[in-house]
Protein backbone atom coordinates (compact mmCIF):
# COMPACT_ATOMS: atom_id res chain seq x y z
CA MET A 1 24.92 18.01 -10.63
CA ASN A 2 26.39 18.44 -14.12
CA ASN A 3 25.73 14.80 -14.98
CA LYS A 4 22.03 14.61 -15.81
CA PHE A 5 22.28 10.84 -16.22
CA GLY A 6 23.14 10.52 -12.53
CA HIS A 7 19.77 11.91 -11.45
CA LEU A 8 18.72 9.47 -8.72
CA THR A 9 19.42 6.61 -11.18
CA SER A 10 16.09 7.42 -12.84
CA TYR A 11 15.44 5.00 -15.69
CA SER A 12 13.43 7.59 -17.62
CA VAL A 13 16.61 9.69 -17.77
CA ASN A 14 19.32 7.02 -17.98
CA LYS A 15 17.68 5.15 -20.85
CA LYS A 16 18.77 8.10 -23.04
CA ASN A 17 22.40 7.74 -21.99
CA LYS A 18 24.39 6.52 -25.03
CA ASN A 19 27.09 5.09 -22.76
CA ALA A 20 24.70 2.97 -20.70
CA LYS A 21 25.57 -0.71 -21.28
CA HIS A 22 22.86 -2.23 -19.12
CA THR A 23 19.62 -1.36 -17.45
CA THR A 24 19.66 0.83 -14.34
CA LEU A 25 16.81 -1.18 -12.84
CA TRP A 26 17.16 -4.01 -10.33
CA ASN A 27 14.55 -6.23 -8.78
CA LEU A 28 14.49 -6.77 -5.03
CA LYS A 29 16.53 -9.98 -5.24
CA GLN A 30 19.29 -8.21 -7.17
CA LEU A 31 19.31 -5.34 -4.70
CA ARG A 32 19.62 -7.72 -1.77
CA GLU A 33 22.53 -9.51 -3.47
CA ALA A 34 24.28 -6.18 -4.16
CA TYR A 35 24.00 -5.20 -0.50
CA HIS A 36 25.36 -8.59 0.55
CA ASN A 37 28.32 -8.27 -1.84
CA GLU A 38 29.13 -4.83 -0.40
CA GLY A 39 28.88 -6.13 3.17
CA LEU A 40 25.84 -3.97 3.91
CA ASN A 41 22.81 -4.88 6.02
CA PHE A 42 19.88 -5.05 3.61
CA ASP A 43 17.31 -5.89 6.30
CA PHE A 44 18.30 -2.78 8.28
CA VAL A 45 17.59 -0.55 5.28
CA ASN A 46 14.48 -2.46 4.27
CA ASP A 47 12.99 -2.03 7.75
CA GLN A 48 13.58 1.73 7.47
CA ILE A 49 11.78 1.81 4.14
CA LYS A 50 8.76 -0.01 5.61
CA ASP A 51 8.75 2.43 8.51
CA LEU A 52 8.74 5.41 6.12
CA VAL A 53 5.89 3.94 4.06
CA ILE A 54 3.72 3.34 7.13
CA LYS A 55 4.34 6.78 8.65
CA THR A 56 3.77 8.55 5.32
CA LEU A 57 0.39 6.88 4.84
CA ILE A 58 -0.59 7.52 8.45
CA SER A 59 0.17 11.22 7.96
CA ALA A 60 -2.57 11.33 5.30
CA ASP A 61 -5.07 9.24 7.25
CA HIS A 62 -7.05 12.12 8.76
CA HIS A 63 -7.48 13.63 5.28
CA ILE A 64 -8.55 10.42 3.53
CA VAL A 65 -10.92 8.81 6.05
CA PRO A 66 -13.46 11.71 6.29
CA ILE A 67 -13.79 11.71 2.49
CA LEU A 68 -14.28 7.95 2.43
CA GLU A 69 -16.95 8.15 5.13
CA GLN A 70 -19.01 10.51 2.98
CA ASN A 71 -19.81 7.59 0.67
CA PRO A 72 -19.48 4.48 2.83
CA SER A 73 -20.97 1.93 0.45
CA ALA A 74 -18.23 -0.69 0.68
CA ARG A 75 -14.62 -0.85 1.85
CA ASN A 76 -13.31 -2.18 -1.46
CA ALA A 77 -15.15 0.47 -3.50
CA CYS A 78 -12.17 2.78 -3.07
CA PHE A 79 -8.49 1.87 -3.20
CA GLU A 80 -5.25 3.26 -4.55
CA THR A 81 -1.74 2.04 -5.28
CA PHE A 82 1.27 4.22 -4.52
CA SER A 83 4.88 4.25 -5.68
CA PHE A 84 7.49 5.47 -3.19
CA ASP A 85 10.78 6.95 -4.35
CA ILE A 86 13.29 6.25 -1.57
CA MET A 87 16.87 7.51 -1.42
CA ILE A 88 19.51 5.81 0.74
CA ASP A 89 22.33 8.09 1.89
CA ASN A 90 25.93 7.09 2.65
CA GLN A 91 24.97 6.41 6.27
CA GLN A 92 22.39 3.83 5.13
CA LYS A 93 19.55 6.11 6.20
CA ALA A 94 16.38 6.03 4.08
CA TRP A 95 14.62 9.21 2.92
CA VAL A 96 11.31 9.68 1.11
CA ILE A 97 11.83 11.68 -2.09
CA LYS A 98 8.30 11.57 -3.44
CA VAL A 99 5.14 9.48 -3.59
CA ASP A 100 3.34 8.81 -6.86
CA ALA A 101 -0.35 7.93 -6.98
CA GLU A 102 -0.25 6.63 -10.53
CA PRO A 103 1.21 3.27 -11.57
CA THR A 104 4.40 3.59 -13.58
CA GLY A 105 6.10 1.19 -15.93
CA LEU A 106 3.12 -0.05 -17.96
CA THR A 107 4.41 1.68 -21.10
CA SER A 108 8.08 1.18 -20.29
CA THR A 109 10.48 -0.17 -22.91
CA ASP A 110 12.37 -2.00 -20.14
CA PRO A 111 11.09 -5.60 -19.73
CA LEU A 112 11.81 -5.70 -16.00
CA GLN A 113 9.95 -2.48 -15.22
CA GLU A 114 7.01 -3.54 -17.37
CA ARG A 115 6.84 -6.94 -15.66
CA ILE A 116 6.98 -5.41 -12.18
CA ALA A 117 4.31 -2.83 -13.00
CA THR A 118 1.98 -5.41 -14.55
CA THR A 119 2.40 -7.83 -11.65
CA ARG A 120 1.81 -5.05 -9.14
CA LEU A 121 -1.50 -4.05 -10.72
CA CYS A 122 -2.70 -7.63 -11.15
CA ASP A 123 -1.93 -8.40 -7.51
CA ALA A 124 -3.64 -5.17 -6.43
CA PHE A 125 -6.88 -6.05 -8.21
CA THR A 126 -6.79 -9.55 -6.73
CA LEU A 127 -6.00 -8.22 -3.26
CA VAL A 128 -8.88 -5.73 -3.31
CA GLY A 129 -11.23 -8.47 -4.46
CA ILE A 130 -12.71 -6.88 -7.57
CA VAL A 131 -15.50 -9.07 -8.95
CA PRO A 132 -16.30 -8.90 -12.69
CA TYR A 133 -19.91 -8.18 -13.56
CA ASP A 134 -22.25 -7.82 -16.53
CA LYS A 135 -22.90 -4.08 -16.88
CA VAL A 136 -26.07 -4.60 -18.97
CA LYS A 137 -27.62 -6.97 -16.42
CA LEU A 138 -26.64 -4.67 -13.55
CA GLN A 139 -28.30 -1.66 -15.17
CA ALA A 140 -31.44 -3.72 -15.81
CA SER A 141 -31.66 -4.78 -12.16
CA SER A 142 -33.80 -2.95 -9.65
CA SER A 143 -32.20 -0.22 -7.57
CA GLU A 144 -32.77 -2.28 -4.42
CA LEU A 145 -30.51 -5.02 -5.76
CA THR A 146 -27.76 -2.71 -6.95
CA GLN A 147 -27.52 -0.55 -3.84
CA LEU A 148 -24.85 -1.59 -1.36
CA SER A 149 -25.66 -1.60 2.33
CA LEU A 150 -24.02 1.12 4.42
CA PHE A 151 -21.51 0.39 7.13
CA SER A 152 -23.08 -0.36 10.46
CA LYS A 153 -22.04 1.89 13.35
CA SER A 154 -18.83 0.89 15.13
CA SER A 155 -17.78 1.91 18.63
CA THR A 156 -16.05 5.28 18.96
CA THR A 157 -12.70 5.75 20.66
CA GLU A 158 -14.44 7.44 23.62
CA GLU A 159 -16.78 4.46 24.02
CA LEU A 160 -13.88 2.02 23.86
CA GLU A 161 -12.03 3.81 26.66
CA ASN A 162 -14.90 3.03 29.02
CA ILE A 163 -15.07 -0.65 28.11
CA GLU A 164 -13.17 -3.37 29.94
CA PHE A 165 -12.63 -6.00 27.26
CA ARG A 166 -12.76 -9.64 28.34
CA GLY A 167 -12.52 -11.28 24.93
CA ASN A 168 -16.13 -12.39 24.66
CA GLU A 169 -17.73 -9.11 23.57
CA ASP A 170 -20.26 -9.05 20.76
CA LEU A 171 -18.90 -7.36 17.66
CA THR A 172 -21.00 -5.31 15.28
CA SER A 173 -21.62 -6.76 11.83
CA ASP A 174 -19.23 -4.20 10.38
CA GLU A 175 -16.46 -5.15 12.81
CA ILE A 176 -16.90 -8.81 11.92
CA GLY A 177 -16.75 -7.82 8.26
CA VAL A 178 -13.46 -6.01 8.84
CA LEU A 179 -11.91 -9.13 10.39
CA MET A 180 -13.18 -11.35 7.58
CA ASP A 181 -11.91 -8.94 4.93
CA LEU A 182 -8.53 -8.82 6.68
CA GLU A 183 -8.12 -12.59 6.51
CA ASP A 184 -9.40 -12.78 2.93
CA GLU A 185 -7.00 -10.06 1.76
CA GLN A 186 -4.09 -11.77 3.49
CA SER A 187 -4.84 -15.03 1.66
CA ARG A 188 -4.87 -13.38 -1.78
CA ARG A 189 -2.08 -10.82 -1.30
CA GLY A 190 0.12 -12.28 -4.05
CA ASN A 191 3.53 -10.56 -3.98
CA TYR A 192 2.35 -7.90 -1.55
CA GLU A 193 3.42 -7.92 2.08
CA ARG A 194 1.24 -6.55 4.86
CA ILE A 195 3.49 -4.37 7.00
CA PHE A 196 0.72 -2.68 9.02
CA PRO A 197 -1.35 -3.39 11.04
CA ASP A 198 0.63 -6.22 12.55
CA ALA A 199 0.72 -7.68 16.05
CA SER A 200 4.38 -6.65 16.35
CA ASN A 201 3.97 -2.94 15.52
CA THR A 202 0.39 -1.77 16.10
CA GLU A 203 1.03 -0.36 19.59
CA TYR A 204 4.01 1.62 18.30
CA TYR A 205 2.39 3.18 15.21
CA ILE A 206 -0.97 3.97 16.83
CA GLN A 207 0.68 7.00 18.48
CA PHE A 208 1.17 8.68 15.10
CA PHE A 209 -2.53 8.77 14.17
CA LYS A 210 -4.10 12.21 14.56
CA CYS A 211 -7.44 10.45 15.11
CA LYS A 212 -7.08 7.22 17.08
CA ARG A 213 -7.95 4.01 15.19
CA TYR A 214 -8.66 0.59 16.53
């Protein structure tokens, strides 16, 4: 506790350490190699981290979705990137320390942190599918052209419970749009990895939603 430069190996603190001979930051490849050299199971810890990320975001789902539904113009009209601070204890158990909603590293003096932050934002914009536009032309267009169509009504959880699915049901236009967006986002994910929803874990994580999703 008396060594302020040992504070969770925070770069913002350790960069001021006069005795520091190298950066305190590692990329994922370096971290994996360090675990391998120590005889530790990196995949075991990495799976825990993914689990924490999914459960943390699910815990906020019932707060976020109602706000989004108040202005349902388009799914990609609202998105956010998060940074998770994860601590690994001496038993190789992962713990969430905090979650930041603002991108960090863009103004960093460390080349690695700056490169990671820049790549993360570029990939996020590509993943969301932001399309550049001419603001002057958009403002000059009629309101009918600039307004986005609202989501069409999807089936509720109660309605789904009374349906016996056979695989040939007609989907609403919004449900078809969700599937198309899912495939498009997967194809342009860049360095991101989709960890949920996935065929291997959907049934497990659905139990943690306060309001059931499908």
